[in-house]
Amino acid sequence: MALDREEYVEQAYFFQTLRERMQQAMSTQDLLDVIRQEVLATTMLPFALDFMASELRLTGGFATAMTRLPHYFTPFQSYVVCEAERAEGRFDFRIALEILQREAEYRSREPTPQGVFLYQFEAICRNRLGYDRGLEAIAGDSIFNADWSQWILTVRRQVGLIDIADLIYVRSELYRQQRGSTEKPVLFGEKEGRIALANRQKDPLFLFSALQRQLGYPNVPRPRPEDVQQYVLPALQRQVERLESRLILLEEDLRGGINLKRFYEGRKTDGGERKTE
């Protein structure tokens, strides 16, 4: 069931705000309570946030709550959050929220099945989320009719064996024009077919990038490398402090010996009394 535009606008705001405020010294439950007061009260999102907060207290995660709200969250949204919450996984939860934010922003405008599928499929590819369960989740989206869902499940079986550009091309209007007719329904337009034909036997990421440039489809956020520079200054500071301590000991040694009394002052003796010099 497709939601109203205002629902997707508020969803995008929720995913963006949660991602940005996760850096603050607040618990996730407190963040949900605050964001609940900010989102539009005439939407269904406040009720969804209440349920998510309850599930968070019980299970420590969001995915189960989103799975139990299939009328509001899509299977793809639930799958992305589930993969981000896996303890053994390496999928950043903040990247997951940004993926969902951009998808909700696209759905709040004039989404097409082509744009939604290509965005979700690229998100799976770039983040290595697994084609089997990922494409099954995509096929369950209400934006896709029966022909689309059947084709996505076909892609699920053939991905890795057949180039995704070929799979798109043979279901495009361009292929129908060149062959005269096709037995299977056309799912992509002539432009998608031309771009797919031009990117056969290439890296699929080139195909996605060309579709985004030419047709304005949403782009998937890239995983960001960790900023190691933030750890450099504290490490250098600790090294300087250790060097200063060693220099003090060397200077005392040159002046006639190291004064060891300061290491024992204030320490307790075996009898419990404080030893003084």
C-alpha atoms as a PDB file:
ATOM      1  CA  MET A   1       0.000   0.000   0.000  1.00  0.00           C
ATOM      2  CA  ALA A   2       1.473   3.323  -1.079  1.00  0.00           C
ATOM      3  CA  LEU A   3       1.537   5.993   1.620  1.00  0.00           C
ATOM      4  CA  ASP A   4       0.652   9.653   1.248  1.00  0.00           C
ATOM      5  CA  ARG A   5       3.397  12.087   0.343  1.00  0.00           C
ATOM      6  CA  GLU A   6       3.455  13.632   3.831  1.00  0.00           C
ATOM      7  CA  GLU A   7       4.219  10.221   5.330  1.00  0.00           C
ATOM      8  CA  TYR A   8       7.364   9.861   3.210  1.00  0.00           C
ATOM      9  CA  VAL A   9       8.403  13.441   4.007  1.00  0.00           C
ATOM     10  CA  GLU A  10       8.174  12.709   7.730  1.00  0.00           C
ATOM     11  CA  GLN A  11       9.927   9.367   7.324  1.00  0.00           C
ATOM     12  CA  ALA A  12      12.833  11.094   5.575  1.00  0.00           C
ATOM     13  CA  TYR A  13      12.999  13.646   8.393  1.00  0.00           C
ATOM     14  CA  PHE A  14      12.982  10.887  11.014  1.00  0.00           C
ATOM     15  CA  PHE A  15      15.793   8.882   9.387  1.00  0.00           C
ATOM     16  CA  GLN A  16      17.897  12.003   8.822  1.00  0.00           C
ATOM     17  CA  THR A  17      17.386  13.427  12.325  1.00  0.00           C
ATOM     18  CA  LEU A  18      18.071  10.109  14.045  1.00  0.00           C
ATOM     19  CA  ARG A  19      21.278   9.673  12.048  1.00  0.00           C
ATOM     20  CA  GLU A  20      22.531  13.201  12.801  1.00  0.00           C
ATOM     21  CA  ARG A  21      21.682  13.128  16.517  1.00  0.00           C
ATOM     22  CA  MET A  22      23.196   9.717  17.182  1.00  0.00           C
ATOM     23  CA  GLN A  23      26.474  11.581  17.782  1.00  0.00           C
ATOM     24  CA  GLN A  24      24.967  13.342  20.798  1.00  0.00           C
ATOM     25  CA  ALA A  25      25.142  11.990  24.324  1.00  0.00           C
ATOM     26  CA  MET A  26      21.547  10.699  24.265  1.00  0.00           C
ATOM     27  CA  SER A  27      20.127   7.210  24.338  1.00  0.00           C
ATOM     28  CA  THR A  28      18.220   5.971  21.304  1.00  0.00           C
ATOM     29  CA  GLN A  29      15.030   5.792  23.375  1.00  0.00           C
ATOM     30  CA  ASP A  30      15.380   9.438  24.355  1.00  0.00           C
ATOM     31  CA  LEU A  31      16.024  10.363  20.714  1.00  0.00           C
ATOM     32  CA  LEU A  32      12.825   8.602  19.665  1.00  0.00           C
ATOM     33  CA  ASP A  33      10.854  10.452  22.324  1.00  0.00           C
ATOM     34  CA  VAL A  34      12.225  13.803  21.180  1.00  0.00           C
ATOM     35  CA  ILE A  35      11.726  13.140  17.472  1.00  0.00           C
ATOM     36  CA  ARG A  36       8.198  11.935  18.145  1.00  0.00           C
ATOM     37  CA  GLN A  37       7.337  15.392  19.421  1.00  0.00           C
ATOM     38  CA  GLU A  38       8.801  16.986  16.277  1.00  0.00           C
ATOM     39  CA  VAL A  39       7.197  14.942  13.507  1.00  0.00           C
ATOM     40  CA  LEU A  40       3.816  15.842  12.068  1.00  0.00           C
ATOM     41  CA  ALA A  41       1.084  14.619  14.405  1.00  0.00           C
ATOM     42  CA  THR A  42      -1.407  14.102  11.570  1.00  0.00           C
ATOM     43  CA  THR A  43       0.707  11.296  10.108  1.00  0.00           C
ATOM     44  CA  MET A  44       0.995   7.697  11.277  1.00  0.00           C
ATOM     45  CA  LEU A  45       4.691   8.064  12.087  1.00  0.00           C
ATOM     46  CA  PRO A  46       4.192   9.022  15.794  1.00  0.00           C
ATOM     47  CA  PHE A  47       2.307   5.740  16.360  1.00  0.00           C
ATOM     48  CA  ALA A  48       5.053   3.837  14.550  1.00  0.00           C
ATOM     49  CA  LEU A  49       7.691   5.521  16.729  1.00  0.00           C
ATOM     50  CA  ASP A  50       5.803   4.549  19.894  1.00  0.00           C
ATOM     51  CA  PHE A  51       5.779   0.932  18.775  1.00  0.00           C
ATOM     52  CA  MET A  52       9.469   1.105  17.802  1.00  0.00           C
ATOM     53  CA  ALA A  53      10.361   2.541  21.212  1.00  0.00           C
ATOM     54  CA  SER A  54       8.525  -0.302  22.958  1.00  0.00           C
ATOM     55  CA  GLU A  55      10.266  -2.887  20.790  1.00  0.00           C
ATOM     56  CA  LEU A  56      13.613  -1.207  21.420  1.00  0.00           C
ATOM     57  CA  ARG A  57      13.165  -1.674  25.172  1.00  0.00           C
ATOM     58  CA  LEU A  58      12.278  -5.339  24.693  1.00  0.00           C
ATOM     59  CA  THR A  59      14.721  -6.462  21.999  1.00  0.00           C
ATOM     60  CA  GLY A  60      17.258  -3.634  21.725  1.00  0.00           C
ATOM     61  CA  GLY A  61      16.551  -3.039  18.032  1.00  0.00           C
ATOM     62  CA  PHE A  62      14.209  -1.553  15.434  1.00  0.00           C
ATOM     63  CA  ALA A  63      14.030  -4.274  12.795  1.00  0.00           C
ATOM     64  CA  THR A  64      11.458  -6.496  14.494  1.00  0.00           C
ATOM     65  CA  ALA A  65       9.127  -3.541  15.037  1.00  0.00           C
ATOM     66  CA  MET A  66       9.431  -2.460  11.387  1.00  0.00           C
ATOM     67  CA  THR A  67       8.760  -6.029  10.243  1.00  0.00           C
ATOM     68  CA  ARG A  68       5.570  -6.071  12.296  1.00  0.00           C
ATOM     69  CA  LEU A  69       4.395  -2.859  10.619  1.00  0.00           C
ATOM     70  CA  PRO A  70       4.253  -4.017   6.954  1.00  0.00           C
ATOM     71  CA  HIS A  71       1.475  -1.540   6.168  1.00  0.00           C
ATOM     72  CA  TYR A  72       3.828   1.339   6.997  1.00  0.00           C
ATOM     73  CA  PHE A  73       7.414   0.182   6.422  1.00  0.00           C
ATOM     74  CA  THR A  74       8.390  -1.688   3.261  1.00  0.00           C
ATOM     75  CA  PRO A  75      10.151  -5.071   3.406  1.00  0.00           C
ATOM     76  CA  PHE A  76      13.267  -3.387   2.009  1.00  0.00           C
ATOM     77  CA  GLN A  77      13.330  -0.842   4.852  1.00  0.00           C
ATOM     78  CA  SER A  78      13.006  -3.610   7.431  1.00  0.00           C
ATOM     79  CA  TYR A  79      15.701  -5.669   5.715  1.00  0.00           C
ATOM     80  CA  VAL A  80      18.210  -2.792   5.628  1.00  0.00           C
ATOM     81  CA  VAL A  81      17.733  -2.063   9.338  1.00  0.00           C
ATOM     82  CA  CYS A  82      17.940  -5.779  10.168  1.00  0.00           C
ATOM     83  CA  GLU A  83      21.284  -6.055   8.360  1.00  0.00           C
ATOM     84  CA  ALA A  84      22.594  -2.945  10.140  1.00  0.00           C
ATOM     85  CA  GLU A  85      21.636  -4.369  13.555  1.00  0.00           C
ATOM     86  CA  ARG A  86      23.350  -7.713  13.034  1.00  0.00           C
ATOM     87  CA  ALA A  87      26.049  -8.106  15.677  1.00  0.00           C
ATOM     88  CA  GLU A  88      28.357 -10.012  13.327  1.00  0.00           C
ATOM     89  CA  GLY A  89      27.827  -7.638  10.384  1.00  0.00           C
ATOM     90  CA  ARG A  90      29.914  -4.663   9.288  1.00  0.00           C
ATOM     91  CA  PHE A  91      27.099  -2.582   7.792  1.00  0.00           C
ATOM     92  CA  ASP A  92      27.121   0.857   9.416  1.00  0.00           C
ATOM     93  CA  PHE A  93      23.764   1.764  10.986  1.00  0.00           C
ATOM     94  CA  ARG A  94      24.236   5.411   9.983  1.00  0.00           C
ATOM     95  CA  ILE A  95      24.665   4.426   6.339  1.00  0.00           C
ATOM     96  CA  ALA A  96      21.496   2.349   6.628  1.00  0.00           C
ATOM     97  CA  LEU A  97      19.577   5.368   7.917  1.00  0.00           C
ATOM     98  CA  GLU A  98      20.914   7.531   5.085  1.00  0.00           C
ATOM     99  CA  ILE A  99      19.855   4.906   2.523  1.00  0.00           C
ATOM    100  CA  LEU A 100      16.327   4.923   3.948  1.00  0.00           C
ATOM    101  CA  GLN A 101      16.294   8.714   4.103  1.00  0.00           C
ATOM    102  CA  ARG A 102      17.113   9.139   0.423  1.00  0.00           C
ATOM    103  CA  GLU A 103      14.624   6.480  -0.601  1.00  0.00           C
ATOM    104  CA  ALA A 104      11.859   8.206   1.387  1.00  0.00           C
ATOM    105  CA  GLU A 105      12.794  11.533  -0.197  1.00  0.00           C
ATOM    106  CA  TYR A 106      12.506   9.975  -3.650  1.00  0.00           C
ATOM    107  CA  ARG A 107       9.145   8.404  -2.811  1.00  0.00           C
ATOM    108  CA  SER A 108       7.860  11.801  -1.624  1.00  0.00           C
ATOM    109  CA  ARG A 109       8.276  13.186  -5.156  1.00  0.00           C
ATOM    110  CA  GLU A 110       7.169  11.184  -8.208  1.00  0.00           C
ATOM    111  CA  PRO A 111       8.650   7.712  -7.780  1.00  0.00           C
ATOM    112  CA  THR A 112       8.611   5.104 -10.511  1.00  0.00           C
ATOM    113  CA  PRO A 113       9.046   1.329 -10.167  1.00  0.00           C
ATOM    114  CA  GLN A 114      12.196   1.636 -12.284  1.00  0.00           C
ATOM    115  CA  GLY A 115      13.753   4.226  -9.997  1.00  0.00           C
ATOM    116  CA  VAL A 116      12.826   2.399  -6.793  1.00  0.00           C
ATOM    117  CA  PHE A 117      14.173  -0.937  -8.036  1.00  0.00           C
ATOM    118  CA  LEU A 118      17.461   0.489  -9.322  1.00  0.00           C
ATOM    119  CA  TYR A 119      18.038   2.425  -6.091  1.00  0.00           C
ATOM    120  CA  GLN A 120      17.316  -0.554  -3.851  1.00  0.00           C
ATOM    121  CA  PHE A 121      19.332  -2.950  -5.996  1.00  0.00           C
ATOM    122  CA  GLU A 122      22.343  -0.603  -6.010  1.00  0.00           C
ATOM    123  CA  ALA A 123      22.089  -0.241  -2.222  1.00  0.00           C
ATOM    124  CA  ILE A 124      22.343  -4.022  -1.901  1.00  0.00           C
ATOM    125  CA  CYS A 125      25.281  -4.180  -4.319  1.00  0.00           C
ATOM    126  CA  ARG A 126      27.339  -1.372  -2.799  1.00  0.00           C
ATOM    127  CA  ASN A 127      26.932  -2.579   0.771  1.00  0.00           C
ATOM    128  CA  ARG A 128      27.089  -6.325   0.050  1.00  0.00           C
ATOM    129  CA  LEU A 129      23.847  -7.025   1.849  1.00  0.00           C
ATOM    130  CA  GLY A 130      23.116 -10.303   0.073  1.00  0.00           C
ATOM    131  CA  TYR A 131      21.155 -10.772  -3.127  1.00  0.00           C
ATOM    132  CA  ASP A 132      18.964 -13.652  -1.994  1.00  0.00           C
ATOM    133  CA  ARG A 133      17.128 -12.067   0.937  1.00  0.00           C
ATOM    134  CA  GLY A 134      17.613  -8.561  -0.403  1.00  0.00           C
ATOM    135  CA  LEU A 135      15.856  -9.164  -3.732  1.00  0.00           C
ATOM    136  CA  GLU A 136      13.131 -11.110  -1.955  1.00  0.00           C
ATOM    137  CA  ALA A 137      12.507  -8.027   0.198  1.00  0.00           C
ATOM    138  CA  ILE A 138      12.499  -5.766  -2.865  1.00  0.00           C
ATOM    139  CA  ALA A 139       9.965  -8.006  -4.642  1.00  0.00           C
ATOM    140  CA  GLY A 140       7.562  -7.557  -1.707  1.00  0.00           C
ATOM    141  CA  ASP A 141       7.316  -3.777  -2.181  1.00  0.00           C
ATOM    142  CA  SER A 142       3.778  -2.613  -2.967  1.00  0.00           C
ATOM    143  CA  ILE A 143       5.046  -0.255  -5.697  1.00  0.00           C
ATOM    144  CA  PHE A 144       5.696  -3.311  -7.884  1.00  0.00           C
ATOM    145  CA  ASN A 145       2.881  -5.125  -9.661  1.00  0.00           C
ATOM    146  CA  ALA A 146       2.823  -8.866 -10.314  1.00  0.00           C
ATOM    147  CA  ASP A 147       4.965  -8.584 -13.479  1.00  0.00           C
ATOM    148  CA  TRP A 148       7.606  -6.610 -11.635  1.00  0.00           C
ATOM    149  CA  SER A 149       7.673  -8.949  -8.633  1.00  0.00           C
ATOM    150  CA  GLN A 150       8.011 -11.991 -10.876  1.00  0.00           C
ATOM    151  CA  TRP A 151      10.895 -10.380 -12.778  1.00  0.00           C
ATOM    152  CA  ILE A 152      12.707  -9.373  -9.559  1.00  0.00           C
ATOM    153  CA  LEU A 153      12.526 -12.956  -8.330  1.00  0.00           C
ATOM    154  CA  THR A 154      13.939 -14.014 -11.708  1.00  0.00           C
ATOM    155  CA  VAL A 155      16.806 -11.572 -11.191  1.00  0.00           C
ATOM    156  CA  ARG A 156      17.294 -13.153  -7.777  1.00  0.00           C
ATOM    157  CA  ARG A 157      17.941 -16.512  -9.426  1.00  0.00           C
ATOM    158  CA  GLN A 158      20.076 -15.204 -12.293  1.00  0.00           C
ATOM    159  CA  VAL A 159      22.134 -12.422 -10.691  1.00  0.00           C
ATOM    160  CA  GLY A 160      25.805 -13.316 -10.805  1.00  0.00           C
ATOM    161  CA  LEU A 161      25.205 -15.552 -13.810  1.00  0.00           C
ATOM    162  CA  ILE A 162      23.765 -12.948 -16.179  1.00  0.00           C
ATOM    163  CA  ASP A 163      24.827  -9.315 -16.363  1.00  0.00           C
ATOM    164  CA  ILE A 164      22.270  -6.969 -14.759  1.00  0.00           C
ATOM    165  CA  ALA A 165      22.582  -4.721 -17.830  1.00  0.00           C
ATOM    166  CA  ASP A 166      21.414  -7.627 -20.017  1.00  0.00           C
ATOM    167  CA  LEU A 167      18.525  -8.369 -17.665  1.00  0.00           C
ATOM    168  CA  ILE A 168      17.365  -4.759 -17.926  1.00  0.00           C
ATOM    169  CA  TYR A 169      17.920  -4.511 -21.678  1.00  0.00           C
ATOM    170  CA  VAL A 170      15.798  -7.554 -22.609  1.00  0.00           C
ATOM    171  CA  ARG A 171      12.882  -6.104 -20.628  1.00  0.00           C
ATOM    172  CA  SER A 172      13.142  -2.619 -22.141  1.00  0.00           C
ATOM    173  CA  GLU A 173      11.172  -0.797 -24.813  1.00  0.00           C
ATOM    174  CA  LEU A 174      14.334  -0.578 -26.918  1.00  0.00           C
ATOM    175  CA  TYR A 175      14.580  -4.375 -27.053  1.00  0.00           C
ATOM    176  CA  ARG A 176      10.913  -4.602 -28.112  1.00  0.00           C
ATOM    177  CA  GLN A 177      11.496  -2.065 -30.898  1.00  0.00           C
ATOM    178  CA  GLN A 178      14.553  -3.913 -32.179  1.00  0.00           C
ATOM    179  CA  ARG A 179      12.974  -7.380 -32.036  1.00  0.00           C
ATOM    180  CA  GLY A 180       9.509  -6.360 -33.138  1.00  0.00           C
ATOM    181  CA  SER A 181       7.722  -7.977 -30.206  1.00  0.00           C
ATOM    182  CA  THR A 182       8.476  -9.764 -26.964  1.00  0.00           C
ATOM    183  CA  GLU A 183       6.675 -12.504 -25.094  1.00  0.00           C
ATOM    184  CA  LYS A 184       7.287 -10.946 -21.698  1.00  0.00           C
ATOM    185  CA  PRO A 185       6.011  -7.586 -20.374  1.00  0.00           C
ATOM    186  CA  VAL A 186       8.148  -4.495 -20.947  1.00  0.00           C
ATOM    187  CA  LEU A 187       9.303  -3.035 -17.621  1.00  0.00           C
ATOM    188  CA  PHE A 188      11.872  -0.400 -18.636  1.00  0.00           C
ATOM    189  CA  GLY A 189      11.675   2.453 -21.105  1.00  0.00           C
ATOM    190  CA  GLU A 190      13.717   3.051 -24.230  1.00  0.00           C
ATOM    191  CA  LYS A 191      16.235   5.259 -22.413  1.00  0.00           C
ATOM    192  CA  GLU A 192      16.915   2.662 -19.739  1.00  0.00           C
ATOM    193  CA  GLY A 193      17.394   0.120 -22.510  1.00  0.00           C
ATOM    194  CA  ARG A 194      19.929   2.299 -24.339  1.00  0.00           C
ATOM    195  CA  ILE A 195      21.922   2.940 -21.179  1.00  0.00           C
ATOM    196  CA  ALA A 196      21.866  -0.761 -20.277  1.00  0.00           C
ATOM    197  CA  LEU A 197      22.978  -1.716 -23.796  1.00  0.00           C
ATOM    198  CA  ALA A 198      25.886   0.739 -23.580  1.00  0.00           C
ATOM    199  CA  ASN A 199      27.025  -0.728 -20.243  1.00  0.00           C
ATOM    200  CA  ARG A 200      26.985  -4.429 -21.066  1.00  0.00           C
ATOM    201  CA  GLN A 201      29.966  -6.381 -19.717  1.00  0.00           C
ATOM    202  CA  LYS A 202      31.017  -3.434 -17.557  1.00  0.00           C
ATOM    203  CA  ASP A 203      31.039  -2.836 -13.833  1.00  0.00           C
ATOM    204  CA  PRO A 204      27.361  -2.550 -12.725  1.00  0.00           C
ATOM    205  CA  LEU A 205      28.255   0.598 -10.784  1.00  0.00           C
ATOM    206  CA  PHE A 206      28.903   2.324 -14.125  1.00  0.00           C
ATOM    207  CA  LEU A 207      25.367   1.401 -15.182  1.00  0.00           C
ATOM    208  CA  PHE A 208      23.860   2.826 -11.988  1.00  0.00           C
ATOM    209  CA  SER A 209      25.894   6.021 -12.298  1.00  0.00           C
ATOM    210  CA  ALA A 210      24.803   6.546 -15.924  1.00  0.00           C
ATOM    211  CA  LEU A 211      21.137   6.019 -15.043  1.00  0.00           C
ATOM    212  CA  GLN A 212      21.411   8.572 -12.245  1.00  0.00           C
ATOM    213  CA  ARG A 213      23.085  11.149 -14.497  1.00  0.00           C
ATOM    214  CA  GLN A 214      20.784  10.698 -17.460  1.00  0.00           C
ATOM    215  CA  LEU A 215      17.419  10.001 -15.835  1.00  0.00           C
ATOM    216  CA  GLY A 216      17.721  11.639 -12.423  1.00  0.00           C
ATOM    217  CA  TYR A 217      17.343   8.473 -10.371  1.00  0.00           C
ATOM    218  CA  PRO A 218      18.448   8.817  -6.718  1.00  0.00           C
ATOM    219  CA  ASN A 219      22.035   7.931  -5.889  1.00  0.00           C
ATOM    220  CA  VAL A 220      22.964   5.567  -3.082  1.00  0.00           C
ATOM    221  CA  PRO A 221      25.190   6.927  -0.264  1.00  0.00           C
ATOM    222  CA  ARG A 222      28.714   5.536  -0.344  1.00  0.00           C
ATOM    223  CA  PRO A 223      30.293   3.947   2.733  1.00  0.00           C
ATOM    224  CA  ARG A 224      32.638   6.515   4.251  1.00  0.00           C
ATOM    225  CA  PRO A 225      36.139   5.509   5.358  1.00  0.00           C
ATOM    226  CA  GLU A 226      36.841   6.053   9.031  1.00  0.00           C
ATOM    227  CA  ASP A 227      38.521   9.361   9.834  1.00  0.00           C
ATOM    228  CA  VAL A 228      41.749   8.242  11.497  1.00  0.00           C
ATOM    229  CA  GLN A 229      42.962  11.825  11.888  1.00  0.00           C
ATOM    230  CA  GLN A 230      40.751  12.298  14.930  1.00  0.00           C
ATOM    231  CA  TYR A 231      42.944   9.829  16.846  1.00  0.00           C
ATOM    232  CA  VAL A 232      46.296  11.331  15.814  1.00  0.00           C
ATOM    233  CA  LEU A 233      46.367  14.366  18.131  1.00  0.00           C
ATOM    234  CA  PRO A 234      45.460  12.488  21.361  1.00  0.00           C
ATOM    235  CA  ALA A 235      48.079   9.821  20.546  1.00  0.00           C
ATOM    236  CA  LEU A 236      50.748  12.464  19.949  1.00  0.00           C
ATOM    237  CA  GLN A 237      49.807  14.183  23.193  1.00  0.00           C
ATOM    238  CA  ARG A 238      50.283  10.962  25.174  1.00  0.00           C
ATOM    239  CA  GLN A 239      53.675  10.374  23.530  1.00  0.00           C
ATOM    240  CA  VAL A 240      54.813  13.904  24.419  1.00  0.00           C
ATOM    241  CA  GLU A 241      53.759  13.391  28.054  1.00  0.00           C
ATOM    242  CA  ARG A 242      55.773  10.161  28.254  1.00  0.00           C
ATOM    243  CA  LEU A 243      58.811  11.902  26.727  1.00  0.00           C
ATOM    244  CA  GLU A 244      58.539  14.719  29.268  1.00  0.00           C
ATOM    245  CA  SER A 245      58.479  12.192  32.133  1.00  0.00           C
ATOM    246  CA  ARG A 246      61.590  10.476  30.786  1.00  0.00           C
ATOM    247  CA  LEU A 247      63.422  13.790  30.387  1.00  0.00           C
ATOM    248  CA  ILE A 248      62.683  14.690  34.013  1.00  0.00           C
ATOM    249  CA  LEU A 249      64.107  11.356  35.175  1.00  0.00           C
ATOM    250  CA  LEU A 250      67.231  11.830  33.030  1.00  0.00           C
ATOM    251  CA  GLU A 251      67.830  15.339  34.405  1.00  0.00           C
ATOM    252  CA  GLU A 252      67.505  14.088  37.985  1.00  0.00           C
ATOM    253  CA  ASP A 253      69.905  11.246  37.230  1.00  0.00           C
ATOM    254  CA  LEU A 254      72.482  13.698  35.875  1.00  0.00           C
ATOM    255  CA  ARG A 255      72.166  15.892  38.986  1.00  0.00           C
ATOM    256  CA  GLY A 256      73.081  13.046  41.291  1.00  0.00           C
ATOM    257  CA  GLY A 257      70.332  10.512  41.336  1.00  0.00           C
ATOM    258  CA  ILE A 258      66.613  10.037  40.954  1.00  0.00           C
ATOM    259  CA  ASN A 259      64.468  11.077  43.908  1.00  0.00           C
ATOM    260  CA  LEU A 260      62.319   8.017  44.546  1.00  0.00           C
ATOM    261  CA  LYS A 261      60.580   9.417  47.623  1.00  0.00           C
ATOM    262  CA  ARG A 262      57.826  11.043  45.588  1.00  0.00           C
ATOM    263  CA  PHE A 263      56.727   7.637  44.329  1.00  0.00           C
ATOM    264  CA  TYR A 264      56.142   6.443  47.920  1.00  0.00           C
ATOM    265  CA  GLU A 265      54.726   9.561  49.546  1.00  0.00           C
ATOM    266  CA  GLY A 266      51.099   9.219  50.503  1.00  0.00           C
ATOM    267  CA  ARG A 267      51.049   5.421  50.170  1.00  0.00           C
ATOM    268  CA  LYS A 268      49.814   3.306  53.089  1.00  0.00           C
ATOM    269  CA  THR A 269      52.058   0.985  55.069  1.00  0.00           C
ATOM    270  CA  ASP A 270      51.126  -2.617  55.912  1.00  0.00           C
ATOM    271  CA  GLY A 271      49.711  -1.431  59.224  1.00  0.00           C
ATOM    272  CA  GLY A 272      47.164   0.807  57.514  1.00  0.00           C
ATOM    273  CA  GLU A 273      48.784   4.083  58.622  1.00  0.00           C
ATOM    274  CA  ARG A 274      49.851   6.611  56.009  1.00  0.00           C
ATOM    275  CA  LYS A 275      53.635   6.762  55.640  1.00  0.00           C
ATOM    276  CA  THR A 276      55.162  10.246  55.796  1.00  0.00           C
ATOM    277  CA  GLU A 277      58.747  11.348  55.427  1.00  0.00           C
END
